[in-house]
C-alpha atoms as a PDB file:
ATOM      1  CA  MET A   1      11.797 -20.959 179.514  1.00  0.00           C
ATOM      2  CA  ALA A   2       9.824 -17.968 180.772  1.00  0.00           C
ATOM      3  CA  GLU A   3       6.417 -17.869 179.126  1.00  0.00           C
ATOM      4  CA  LEU A   4       3.736 -15.208 178.815  1.00  0.00           C
ATOM      5  CA  PRO A   5       2.651 -15.191 182.505  1.00  0.00           C
ATOM      6  CA  GLU A   6       6.192 -14.739 183.850  1.00  0.00           C
ATOM      7  CA  ILE A   7       7.008 -12.027 181.317  1.00  0.00           C
ATOM      8  CA  GLU A   8       3.760 -10.197 182.043  1.00  0.00           C
ATOM      9  CA  ARG A   9       4.512 -10.313 185.773  1.00  0.00           C
ATOM     10  CA  TYR A  10       7.971  -8.858 185.128  1.00  0.00           C
ATOM     11  CA  ARG A  11       6.278  -6.020 183.245  1.00  0.00           C
ATOM     12  CA  LEU A  12       3.805  -5.344 186.040  1.00  0.00           C
ATOM     13  CA  VAL A  13       6.429  -5.496 188.792  1.00  0.00           C
ATOM     14  CA  LEU A  14       9.122  -3.455 187.040  1.00  0.00           C
ATOM     15  CA  SER A  15       6.920  -0.698 185.610  1.00  0.00           C
ATOM     16  CA  PRO A  16       6.284   1.291 188.815  1.00  0.00           C
ATOM     17  CA  HIS A  17       9.927   1.035 189.877  1.00  0.00           C
ATOM     18  CA  ILE A  18      11.860   2.072 186.769  1.00  0.00           C
ATOM     19  CA  THR A  19       9.428   3.816 184.392  1.00  0.00           C
ATOM     20  CA  GLY A  20      10.488   7.443 184.084  1.00  0.00           C
ATOM     21  CA  ARG A  21      13.800   6.793 185.852  1.00  0.00           C
ATOM     22  CA  GLU A  22      17.113   7.763 184.271  1.00  0.00           C
ATOM     23  CA  ILE A  23      19.495   4.953 183.317  1.00  0.00           C
ATOM     24  CA  THR A  24      22.560   6.191 185.164  1.00  0.00           C
ATOM     25  CA  GLY A  25      24.859   3.292 184.318  1.00  0.00           C
ATOM     26  CA  VAL A  26      25.186   0.398 181.891  1.00  0.00           C
ATOM     27  CA  GLU A  27      27.422  -2.622 182.389  1.00  0.00           C
ATOM     28  CA  VAL A  28      27.802  -5.347 179.759  1.00  0.00           C
ATOM     29  CA  ASN A  29      29.632  -8.495 180.816  1.00  0.00           C
ATOM     30  CA  ARG A  30      28.812 -10.562 177.752  1.00  0.00           C
ATOM     31  CA  ALA A  31      28.997  -8.847 174.378  1.00  0.00           C
ATOM     32  CA  LYS A  32      26.993 -11.613 172.677  1.00  0.00           C
ATOM     33  CA  SER A  33      23.948 -10.668 174.759  1.00  0.00           C
ATOM     34  CA  ILE A  34      23.604  -7.367 172.887  1.00  0.00           C
ATOM     35  CA  ASN A  35      23.493  -6.476 169.191  1.00  0.00           C
ATOM     36  CA  MET A  36      26.231  -3.874 168.757  1.00  0.00           C
ATOM     37  CA  PRO A  37      29.698  -3.061 170.073  1.00  0.00           C
ATOM     38  CA  VAL A  38      29.636  -2.599 173.838  1.00  0.00           C
ATOM     39  CA  PRO A  39      30.821   1.066 173.833  1.00  0.00           C
ATOM     40  CA  GLU A  40      28.135   1.988 171.300  1.00  0.00           C
ATOM     41  CA  PHE A  41      25.430   0.204 173.304  1.00  0.00           C
ATOM     42  CA  ILE A  42      26.465   1.973 176.502  1.00  0.00           C
ATOM     43  CA  ALA A  43      26.633   5.367 174.792  1.00  0.00           C
ATOM     44  CA  GLN A  44      23.122   5.005 173.367  1.00  0.00           C
ATOM     45  CA  VAL A  45      21.443   3.617 176.499  1.00  0.00           C
ATOM     46  CA  GLN A  46      23.141   5.442 179.386  1.00  0.00           C
ATOM     47  CA  GLY A  47      21.387   8.703 180.208  1.00  0.00           C
ATOM     48  CA  GLU A  48      18.125   7.576 178.643  1.00  0.00           C
ATOM     49  CA  ARG A  49      14.847   7.183 180.491  1.00  0.00           C
ATOM     50  CA  ILE A  50      12.378   4.341 180.184  1.00  0.00           C
ATOM     51  CA  SER A  51       9.047   5.786 179.131  1.00  0.00           C
ATOM     52  CA  GLU A  52       7.106   2.503 179.133  1.00  0.00           C
ATOM     53  CA  ILE A  53       7.536  -1.241 179.525  1.00  0.00           C
ATOM     54  CA  ASP A  54       5.474  -3.296 177.130  1.00  0.00           C
ATOM     55  CA  ARG A  55       5.189  -6.996 176.345  1.00  0.00           C
ATOM     56  CA  ARG A  56       4.659  -8.926 173.139  1.00  0.00           C
ATOM     57  CA  ALA A  57       4.436 -12.707 173.484  1.00  0.00           C
ATOM     58  CA  LYS A  58       7.540 -13.788 175.481  1.00  0.00           C
ATOM     59  CA  HIS A  59       9.377 -10.507 174.831  1.00  0.00           C
ATOM     60  CA  LEU A  60       9.691  -7.464 177.068  1.00  0.00           C
ATOM     61  CA  ILE A  61      10.031  -4.107 175.328  1.00  0.00           C
ATOM     62  CA  PHE A  62      11.627  -1.209 177.214  1.00  0.00           C
ATOM     63  CA  ARG A  63      10.622   1.947 175.337  1.00  0.00           C
ATOM     64  CA  LEU A  64      13.156   4.765 175.698  1.00  0.00           C
ATOM     65  CA  ARG A  65      12.483   8.507 175.534  1.00  0.00           C
ATOM     66  CA  SER A  66      14.731   8.687 172.456  1.00  0.00           C
ATOM     67  CA  GLY A  67      12.292   6.520 170.502  1.00  0.00           C
ATOM     68  CA  GLU A  68      14.661   3.560 170.501  1.00  0.00           C
ATOM     69  CA  GLU A  69      13.642   0.382 172.322  1.00  0.00           C
ATOM     70  CA  LEU A  70      15.321  -2.444 174.209  1.00  0.00           C
ATOM     71  CA  LEU A  71      13.970  -5.821 173.171  1.00  0.00           C
ATOM     72  CA  LEU A  72      14.463  -8.580 175.752  1.00  0.00           C
ATOM     73  CA  HIS A  73      14.024 -12.282 175.128  1.00  0.00           C
ATOM     74  CA  LEU A  74      15.049 -14.385 178.137  1.00  0.00           C
ATOM     75  CA  MET A  75      14.774 -17.748 176.372  1.00  0.00           C
ATOM     76  CA  ILE A  76      15.999 -20.800 178.345  1.00  0.00           C
ATOM     77  CA  GLY A  77      17.576 -19.991 181.707  1.00  0.00           C
ATOM     78  CA  GLY A  78      17.247 -16.219 181.569  1.00  0.00           C
ATOM     79  CA  TRP A  79      15.745 -14.147 184.362  1.00  0.00           C
ATOM     80  CA  ILE A  80      15.623 -10.615 185.754  1.00  0.00           C
ATOM     81  CA  PHE A  81      16.426  -9.302 189.224  1.00  0.00           C
ATOM     82  CA  LEU A  82      15.740  -5.791 190.517  1.00  0.00           C
ATOM     83  CA  GLY A  83      17.971  -4.961 193.459  1.00  0.00           C
ATOM     84  CA  ASP A  84      20.635  -2.631 194.756  1.00  0.00           C
ATOM     85  CA  TYR A  85      24.225  -2.760 195.999  1.00  0.00           C
ATOM     86  CA  GLY A  86      23.218  -4.951 198.932  1.00  0.00           C
ATOM     87  CA  ALA A  87      20.851  -7.278 197.076  1.00  0.00           C
ATOM     88  CA  HIS A  88      21.942  -8.826 193.817  1.00  0.00           C
ATOM     89  CA  PRO A  89      21.946 -12.284 192.197  1.00  0.00           C
ATOM     90  CA  VAL A  90      24.969 -14.521 192.652  1.00  0.00           C
ATOM     91  CA  PRO A  91      25.259 -15.887 189.067  1.00  0.00           C
ATOM     92  CA  GLN A  92      26.982 -13.867 186.394  1.00  0.00           C
ATOM     93  CA  LYS A  93      25.015 -10.851 185.284  1.00  0.00           C
ATOM     94  CA  GLN A  94      25.290 -10.453 181.508  1.00  0.00           C
ATOM     95  CA  VAL A  95      23.854  -6.920 181.459  1.00  0.00           C
ATOM     96  CA  ILE A  96      23.182  -4.470 184.307  1.00  0.00           C
ATOM     97  CA  LEU A  97      21.190  -1.243 184.025  1.00  0.00           C
ATOM     98  CA  SER A  98      21.570   1.161 186.945  1.00  0.00           C
ATOM     99  CA  PHE A  99      18.906   3.621 188.080  1.00  0.00           C
ATOM    100  CA  GLY A 100      20.811   5.435 190.784  1.00  0.00           C
ATOM    101  CA  GLU A 101      21.265   2.944 193.613  1.00  0.00           C
ATOM    102  CA  ARG A 102      18.722   0.572 192.122  1.00  0.00           C
ATOM    103  CA  LYS A 103      19.946  -1.928 189.562  1.00  0.00           C
ATOM    104  CA  LEU A 104      18.211  -4.126 187.015  1.00  0.00           C
ATOM    105  CA  TYR A 105      20.166  -7.347 186.467  1.00  0.00           C
ATOM    106  CA  PHE A 106      19.726  -9.492 183.359  1.00  0.00           C
ATOM    107  CA  VAL A 107      20.927 -12.954 184.318  1.00  0.00           C
ATOM    108  CA  GLY A 108      21.456 -16.156 182.367  1.00  0.00           C
ATOM    109  CA  LEU A 109      21.321 -14.607 178.902  1.00  0.00           C
ATOM    110  CA  ARG A 110      23.276 -17.440 177.305  1.00  0.00           C
ATOM    111  CA  LEU A 111      20.661 -17.926 174.612  1.00  0.00           C
ATOM    112  CA  GLY A 112      18.610 -14.824 175.343  1.00  0.00           C
ATOM    113  CA  TYR A 113      19.419 -11.250 174.389  1.00  0.00           C
ATOM    114  CA  LEU A 114      18.853  -7.556 175.083  1.00  0.00           C
ATOM    115  CA  HIS A 115      18.900  -5.715 171.749  1.00  0.00           C
ATOM    116  CA  LEU A 116      18.674  -1.985 171.120  1.00  0.00           C
ATOM    117  CA  LEU A 117      16.483  -1.417 168.069  1.00  0.00           C
ATOM    118  CA  SER A 118      14.208   1.141 166.491  1.00  0.00           C
ATOM    119  CA  ALA A 119      10.471   0.761 167.038  1.00  0.00           C
ATOM    120  CA  GLU A 120      10.110  -0.061 163.345  1.00  0.00           C
ATOM    121  CA  LYS A 121      12.685  -2.856 163.534  1.00  0.00           C
ATOM    122  CA  ILE A 122      10.935  -4.394 166.527  1.00  0.00           C
ATOM    123  CA  LEU A 123       7.573  -4.285 164.773  1.00  0.00           C
ATOM    124  CA  GLU A 124       9.180  -5.985 161.799  1.00  0.00           C
ATOM    125  CA  LYS A 125      10.899  -8.596 163.976  1.00  0.00           C
ATOM    126  CA  LEU A 126       7.686  -9.506 165.820  1.00  0.00           C
ATOM    127  CA  ALA A 127       5.331  -9.183 162.861  1.00  0.00           C
ATOM    128  CA  GLY A 128       4.968 -12.940 162.403  1.00  0.00           C
ATOM    129  CA  LEU A 129       3.565 -13.545 165.891  1.00  0.00           C
ATOM    130  CA  GLY A 130      -0.033 -14.575 166.363  1.00  0.00           C
ATOM    131  CA  PRO A 131      -2.620 -12.759 168.492  1.00  0.00           C
ATOM    132  CA  GLU A 132      -2.246 -12.286 172.236  1.00  0.00           C
ATOM    133  CA  PRO A 133      -4.416 -14.752 174.185  1.00  0.00           C
ATOM    134  CA  LEU A 134      -5.100 -12.127 176.878  1.00  0.00           C
ATOM    135  CA  ASP A 135      -6.096  -9.396 174.414  1.00  0.00           C
ATOM    136  CA  PRO A 136      -9.773  -8.494 175.001  1.00  0.00           C
ATOM    137  CA  ALA A 137     -10.111  -7.983 171.244  1.00  0.00           C
ATOM    138  CA  PHE A 138      -9.200 -11.627 170.617  1.00  0.00           C
ATOM    139  CA  ARG A 139     -12.618 -13.293 170.588  1.00  0.00           C
ATOM    140  CA  PHE A 140     -13.710 -16.905 170.480  1.00  0.00           C
ATOM    141  CA  GLU A 141     -14.806 -16.449 166.863  1.00  0.00           C
ATOM    142  CA  ASP A 142     -11.236 -15.462 165.978  1.00  0.00           C
ATOM    143  CA  PHE A 143      -9.859 -18.498 167.811  1.00  0.00           C
ATOM    144  CA  GLN A 144     -12.372 -20.817 166.179  1.00  0.00           C
ATOM    145  CA  GLY A 145     -11.511 -19.465 162.758  1.00  0.00           C
ATOM    146  CA  ARG A 146      -7.798 -20.014 163.319  1.00  0.00           C
ATOM    147  CA  MET A 147      -8.431 -23.564 164.532  1.00  0.00           C
ATOM    148  CA  ARG A 148     -10.606 -24.494 161.588  1.00  0.00           C
ATOM    149  CA  ASP A 149      -7.865 -25.432 159.155  1.00  0.00           C
ATOM    150  CA  ARG A 150      -5.304 -26.718 161.629  1.00  0.00           C
ATOM    151  CA  ARG A 151      -4.272 -30.352 161.894  1.00  0.00           C
ATOM    152  CA  GLY A 152      -2.269 -32.119 164.570  1.00  0.00           C
ATOM    153  CA  SER A 153      -2.199 -32.238 168.340  1.00  0.00           C
ATOM    154  CA  LEU A 154      -3.675 -29.409 170.340  1.00  0.00           C
ATOM    155  CA  LYS A 155      -0.406 -28.835 172.190  1.00  0.00           C
ATOM    156  CA  SER A 156       1.612 -28.470 168.996  1.00  0.00           C
ATOM    157  CA  ILE A 157      -0.849 -25.834 167.819  1.00  0.00           C
ATOM    158  CA  LEU A 158      -0.925 -23.851 171.072  1.00  0.00           C
ATOM    159  CA  VAL A 159       2.886 -23.631 171.288  1.00  0.00           C
ATOM    160  CA  ASP A 160       3.169 -22.354 167.718  1.00  0.00           C
ATOM    161  CA  PRO A 161       3.895 -18.613 168.168  1.00  0.00           C
ATOM    162  CA  LYS A 162       2.416 -17.884 164.738  1.00  0.00           C
ATOM    163  CA  PHE A 163      -0.910 -19.292 165.939  1.00  0.00           C
ATOM    164  CA  ILE A 164      -1.053 -17.685 169.405  1.00  0.00           C
ATOM    165  CA  ALA A 165       1.729 -15.637 170.928  1.00  0.00           C
ATOM    166  CA  GLY A 166       3.424 -16.432 174.216  1.00  0.00           C
ATOM    167  CA  ILE A 167       2.261 -19.944 175.118  1.00  0.00           C
ATOM    168  CA  GLY A 168       5.000 -22.505 175.676  1.00  0.00           C
ATOM    169  CA  SER A 169       5.149 -26.128 176.710  1.00  0.00           C
ATOM    170  CA  CYS A 170       4.306 -25.626 180.390  1.00  0.00           C
ATOM    171  CA  TYR A 171       1.190 -23.519 179.985  1.00  0.00           C
ATOM    172  CA  SER A 172      -0.066 -25.397 176.942  1.00  0.00           C
ATOM    173  CA  ASP A 173      -0.121 -28.458 179.210  1.00  0.00           C
ATOM    174  CA  GLU A 174      -2.130 -26.518 181.799  1.00  0.00           C
ATOM    175  CA  VAL A 175      -4.623 -25.265 179.216  1.00  0.00           C
ATOM    176  CA  PHE A 176      -4.909 -28.761 177.791  1.00  0.00           C
ATOM    177  CA  LYS A 177      -5.541 -30.380 181.184  1.00  0.00           C
ATOM    178  CA  GLN A 178      -8.140 -27.795 182.150  1.00  0.00           C
ATOM    179  CA  SER A 179     -10.122 -28.081 178.951  1.00  0.00           C
ATOM    180  CA  CYS A 180      -9.514 -31.329 177.131  1.00  0.00           C
ATOM    181  CA  GLY A 181      -8.987 -34.188 179.529  1.00  0.00           C
ATOM    182  CA  PRO A 182      -7.021 -37.206 178.323  1.00  0.00           C
ATOM    183  CA  SER A 183      -7.485 -36.752 174.566  1.00  0.00           C
ATOM    184  CA  ASN A 184      -4.795 -34.759 172.731  1.00  0.00           C
ATOM    185  CA  LEU A 185      -6.644 -34.556 169.417  1.00  0.00           C
ATOM    186  CA  LEU A 186      -8.425 -31.558 167.965  1.00  0.00           C
ATOM    187  CA  ALA A 187     -12.117 -31.705 168.561  1.00  0.00           C
ATOM    188  CA  ASN A 188     -15.332 -29.805 167.894  1.00  0.00           C
ATOM    189  CA  SER A 189     -16.333 -26.211 168.573  1.00  0.00           C
ATOM    190  CA  GLN A 190     -17.464 -27.024 172.117  1.00  0.00           C
ATOM    191  CA  ARG A 191     -13.987 -28.245 173.040  1.00  0.00           C
ATOM    192  CA  ASN A 192     -12.422 -25.287 171.259  1.00  0.00           C
ATOM    193  CA  ARG A 193     -14.555 -23.010 173.404  1.00  0.00           C
ATOM    194  CA  LEU A 194     -13.329 -24.759 176.552  1.00  0.00           C
ATOM    195  CA  VAL A 195      -9.727 -24.267 175.411  1.00  0.00           C
ATOM    196  CA  PHE A 196     -10.346 -20.614 174.602  1.00  0.00           C
ATOM    197  CA  CYS A 197     -12.044 -19.928 177.945  1.00  0.00           C
ATOM    198  CA  SER A 198      -9.360 -21.705 179.965  1.00  0.00           C
ATOM    199  CA  MET A 199      -6.437 -19.726 178.524  1.00  0.00           C
ATOM    200  CA  PRO A 200      -6.915 -16.544 180.600  1.00  0.00           C
ATOM    201  CA  LEU A 201      -7.429 -18.624 183.757  1.00  0.00           C
ATOM    202  CA  ASP A 202      -4.219 -20.603 183.294  1.00  0.00           C
ATOM    203  CA  LEU A 203      -2.075 -17.810 181.889  1.00  0.00           C
ATOM    204  CA  PHE A 204      -2.772 -15.068 184.396  1.00  0.00           C
END
């Protein structure tokens, strides 16, 4: 499953290529990947422009000029490919957004989804997520306070999206190996500081 680093890289790579561009075509090959009837989805998205691409945890948010937003969660097996008529992924493309000759392919959305929602609905949907580990405002004191009352293995805590947003199994292992060595038990404030300091290094 794509975790915070992969999703953040998608955001950074896609932003200069499609921000401000008109969505000239929409193709939906799997109705279950979206959250409304296909004709309605196409009617509301085609002709729009992407004003900004944002990320929250493992989600990408495509903000449209209309004020509506496309919420993407790739989940297991999902990925994105930006190409054109001569360069496109071989597997089935569940959703395709066209920007003139350039196309954005959403592939492998068997469990993932691309939902068109209001900004308020997305805020509500993501409200339960914990802080972003790469947010400069998230300080060690905040991390230490959140760790204080937690019990269990460090990995189980780091992968809990209500504790910290965006860390999955792969990167929790990396953070753990960098900071904690062979022990998988919660430890003192010194170890917590090592965990906190290693997150930005391993995640981005």
